[in-house]
Amino acid sequence: MSWYLWIKWLHIVSSTVLFGTGFGIAFFFMRAQRTRNVALIASVGHDVVLADAVFTATAVVVQPASGIALALMAGYPLSSPWLLLSIALYLLVGACWLPVVWLQIGMRDLAAAAAASSSPLPTAYQKHYRRWFVLGWPAFVGVLVIFYLMVAKPRF
């Protein structure tokens, strides 16, 4: 198999991991919130932070490296409008994801402290959760648009 196909495979797998982990994290964290069970929320919060550190962070690094390599190997100029838009959206997604990571760590810690003291979740937790939820939407839509751009490579 050629280097191009290996890198393309890596790019597709890492984009799947990035999207799938993000979607899965959001799904399971929101499901935990709905239970209002502080111990469960703390446990899921721990797993969410771990999954982001192991899977999402790895894919975040692999995506631009493999994407730029593929574009150059395929002969696409990095100034192609679809590539520039993809990169801009990737930066927007990252600008949403970085505060989300911080919010998740804060929610994990607040939930763990509340569970340890058999207390309800504090107001700060709810504020973090609302911000986390709002920041997730542009990231989710941004990744979907990037998928479209990767597949369609539209000419503007």
Protein backbone atom coordinates (compact mmCIF):
# COMPACT_ATOMS: atom_id res chain seq x y z
CA MET A 1 0.00 0.00 0.00
CA SER A 2 1.28 3.49 -0.82
CA TRP A 3 2.15 6.14 1.77
CA TYR A 4 -0.76 8.21 0.50
CA LEU A 5 -3.27 5.45 1.27
CA TRP A 6 -1.76 4.84 4.72
CA ILE A 7 -2.00 8.51 5.57
CA LYS A 8 -5.52 8.70 4.13
CA TRP A 9 -6.52 5.71 6.28
CA LEU A 10 -4.98 7.37 9.34
CA HIS A 11 -6.79 10.63 8.56
CA ILE A 12 -10.15 8.89 8.16
CA VAL A 13 -9.69 6.83 11.35
CA SER A 14 -8.60 9.85 13.38
CA SER A 15 -11.51 11.94 12.07
CA THR A 16 -13.85 9.12 13.06
CA VAL A 17 -12.28 8.97 16.52
CA LEU A 18 -12.52 12.76 16.87
CA PHE A 19 -16.18 12.89 15.88
CA GLY A 20 -17.21 9.64 17.56
CA THR A 21 -15.51 10.39 20.85
CA GLY A 22 -16.89 13.92 20.92
CA PHE A 23 -20.41 12.73 20.14
CA GLY A 24 -20.13 9.83 22.61
CA ILE A 25 -18.77 12.04 25.37
CA ALA A 26 -21.62 14.50 24.88
CA PHE A 27 -24.24 11.74 24.79
CA PHE A 28 -23.09 9.95 27.92
CA PHE A 29 -22.39 13.12 29.88
CA MET A 30 -25.84 14.53 29.07
CA ARG A 31 -27.44 11.19 29.98
CA ALA A 32 -25.62 11.25 33.33
CA GLN A 33 -26.83 14.81 33.98
CA ARG A 34 -30.43 13.76 33.47
CA THR A 35 -30.21 11.21 36.29
CA ARG A 36 -29.28 13.93 38.84
CA ASN A 37 -27.29 11.17 40.58
CA VAL A 38 -24.19 13.02 41.82
CA ALA A 39 -22.08 9.86 42.20
CA LEU A 40 -22.94 8.74 38.67
CA ILE A 41 -22.23 12.21 37.26
CA ALA A 42 -18.85 12.22 39.03
CA SER A 43 -17.99 8.79 37.63
CA VAL A 44 -19.02 9.68 34.08
CA GLY A 45 -17.21 13.02 34.42
CA HIS A 46 -14.02 11.13 35.25
CA ASP A 47 -14.42 8.94 32.16
CA VAL A 48 -15.26 11.93 29.95
CA VAL A 49 -12.04 13.72 30.92
CA LEU A 50 -10.04 10.52 30.42
CA ALA A 51 -11.57 9.85 26.97
CA ASP A 52 -10.87 13.42 25.88
CA ALA A 53 -7.25 13.15 27.02
CA VAL A 54 -6.59 9.77 25.40
CA PHE A 55 -8.71 9.76 22.25
CA THR A 56 -9.74 13.28 21.33
CA ALA A 57 -6.39 14.91 22.06
CA THR A 58 -4.58 12.30 19.96
CA ALA A 59 -6.95 12.80 17.03
CA VAL A 60 -6.67 16.59 17.36
CA VAL A 61 -2.93 16.28 16.69
CA VAL A 62 -3.19 13.65 13.93
CA GLN A 63 -5.89 15.47 11.93
CA PRO A 64 -4.00 18.55 10.77
CA ALA A 65 -0.74 16.67 10.25
CA SER A 66 -2.36 13.97 8.12
CA GLY A 67 -4.67 16.43 6.36
CA ILE A 68 -1.87 18.73 5.28
CA ALA A 69 0.23 15.75 4.18
CA LEU A 70 -2.67 14.40 2.10
CA ALA A 71 -3.36 17.75 0.48
CA LEU A 72 0.27 18.21 -0.48
CA MET A 73 0.63 14.60 -1.71
CA ALA A 74 -2.55 14.95 -3.81
CA GLY A 75 -1.37 18.24 -5.29
CA TYR A 76 -3.99 20.48 -3.70
CA PRO A 77 -2.60 23.92 -2.94
CA LEU A 78 -3.05 24.79 0.74
CA SER A 79 -4.65 28.01 -0.52
CA SER A 80 -7.60 26.07 -2.01
CA PRO A 81 -10.80 27.67 -0.70
CA TRP A 82 -12.22 24.36 0.60
CA LEU A 83 -8.96 23.69 2.47
CA LEU A 84 -8.80 27.21 3.90
CA LEU A 85 -12.42 26.91 5.06
CA SER A 86 -11.68 23.48 6.56
CA ILE A 87 -8.70 24.88 8.45
CA ALA A 88 -10.71 27.89 9.67
CA LEU A 89 -13.49 25.59 10.88
CA TYR A 90 -10.94 23.30 12.53
CA LEU A 91 -9.58 26.31 14.43
CA LEU A 92 -13.14 27.29 15.43
CA VAL A 93 -13.81 23.75 16.64
CA GLY A 94 -10.56 23.86 18.60
CA ALA A 95 -11.48 27.24 20.08
CA CYS A 96 -14.67 25.58 21.38
CA TRP A 97 -12.99 22.34 22.46
CA LEU A 98 -10.23 23.86 24.61
CA PRO A 99 -12.63 25.61 27.01
CA VAL A 100 -14.82 22.49 26.96
CA VAL A 101 -11.88 20.45 28.27
CA TRP A 102 -11.35 22.96 31.08
CA LEU A 103 -15.10 22.94 31.86
CA GLN A 104 -15.17 19.12 31.90
CA ILE A 105 -12.26 19.00 34.33
CA GLY A 106 -14.03 21.54 36.54
CA MET A 107 -17.33 19.61 36.38
CA ARG A 108 -15.54 16.36 37.17
CA ASP A 109 -13.87 17.90 40.22
CA LEU A 110 -17.03 19.65 41.46
CA ALA A 111 -19.10 16.48 41.04
CA ALA A 112 -16.45 14.35 42.78
CA ALA A 113 -16.35 16.76 45.73
CA ALA A 114 -20.16 16.82 45.94
CA ALA A 115 -20.33 13.02 45.78
CA ALA A 116 -17.65 12.65 48.47
CA SER A 117 -19.59 14.92 50.83
CA SER A 118 -23.03 13.59 49.82
CA SER A 119 -23.98 17.10 48.72
CA PRO A 120 -25.94 18.30 45.71
CA LEU A 121 -24.07 19.71 42.75
CA PRO A 122 -23.08 23.33 43.38
CA THR A 123 -24.28 26.28 41.29
CA ALA A 124 -20.83 26.55 39.71
CA TYR A 125 -21.32 23.07 38.28
CA GLN A 126 -24.57 24.10 36.57
CA LYS A 127 -22.88 27.19 35.08
CA HIS A 128 -20.05 25.02 33.74
CA TYR A 129 -22.54 22.55 32.29
CA ARG A 130 -24.51 25.26 30.47
CA ARG A 131 -21.32 26.69 28.95
CA TRP A 132 -20.15 23.16 28.03
CA PHE A 133 -23.47 22.48 26.30
CA VAL A 134 -23.46 25.77 24.36
CA LEU A 135 -19.83 25.36 23.20
CA GLY A 136 -20.56 21.84 21.99
CA TRP A 137 -22.95 22.95 19.26
CA PRO A 138 -20.61 25.02 17.06
CA ALA A 139 -17.95 22.31 17.47
CA PHE A 140 -20.39 19.58 16.41
CA VAL A 141 -21.69 21.50 13.39
CA GLY A 142 -18.16 22.58 12.48
CA VAL A 143 -16.95 18.99 12.32
CA LEU A 144 -19.91 18.01 10.14
CA VAL A 145 -19.12 20.81 7.71
CA ILE A 146 -15.45 19.79 7.66
CA PHE A 147 -16.52 16.23 6.78
CA TYR A 148 -18.54 17.63 3.89
CA LEU A 149 -15.61 19.72 2.68
CA MET A 150 -13.22 16.73 2.90
CA VAL A 151 -15.54 14.60 0.77
CA ALA A 152 -16.94 17.13 -1.72
CA LYS A 153 -13.89 19.41 -2.12
CA PRO A 154 -16.21 22.07 -3.57
CA ARG A 155 -14.95 24.77 -5.88
CA PHE A 156 -16.01 28.20 -4.73
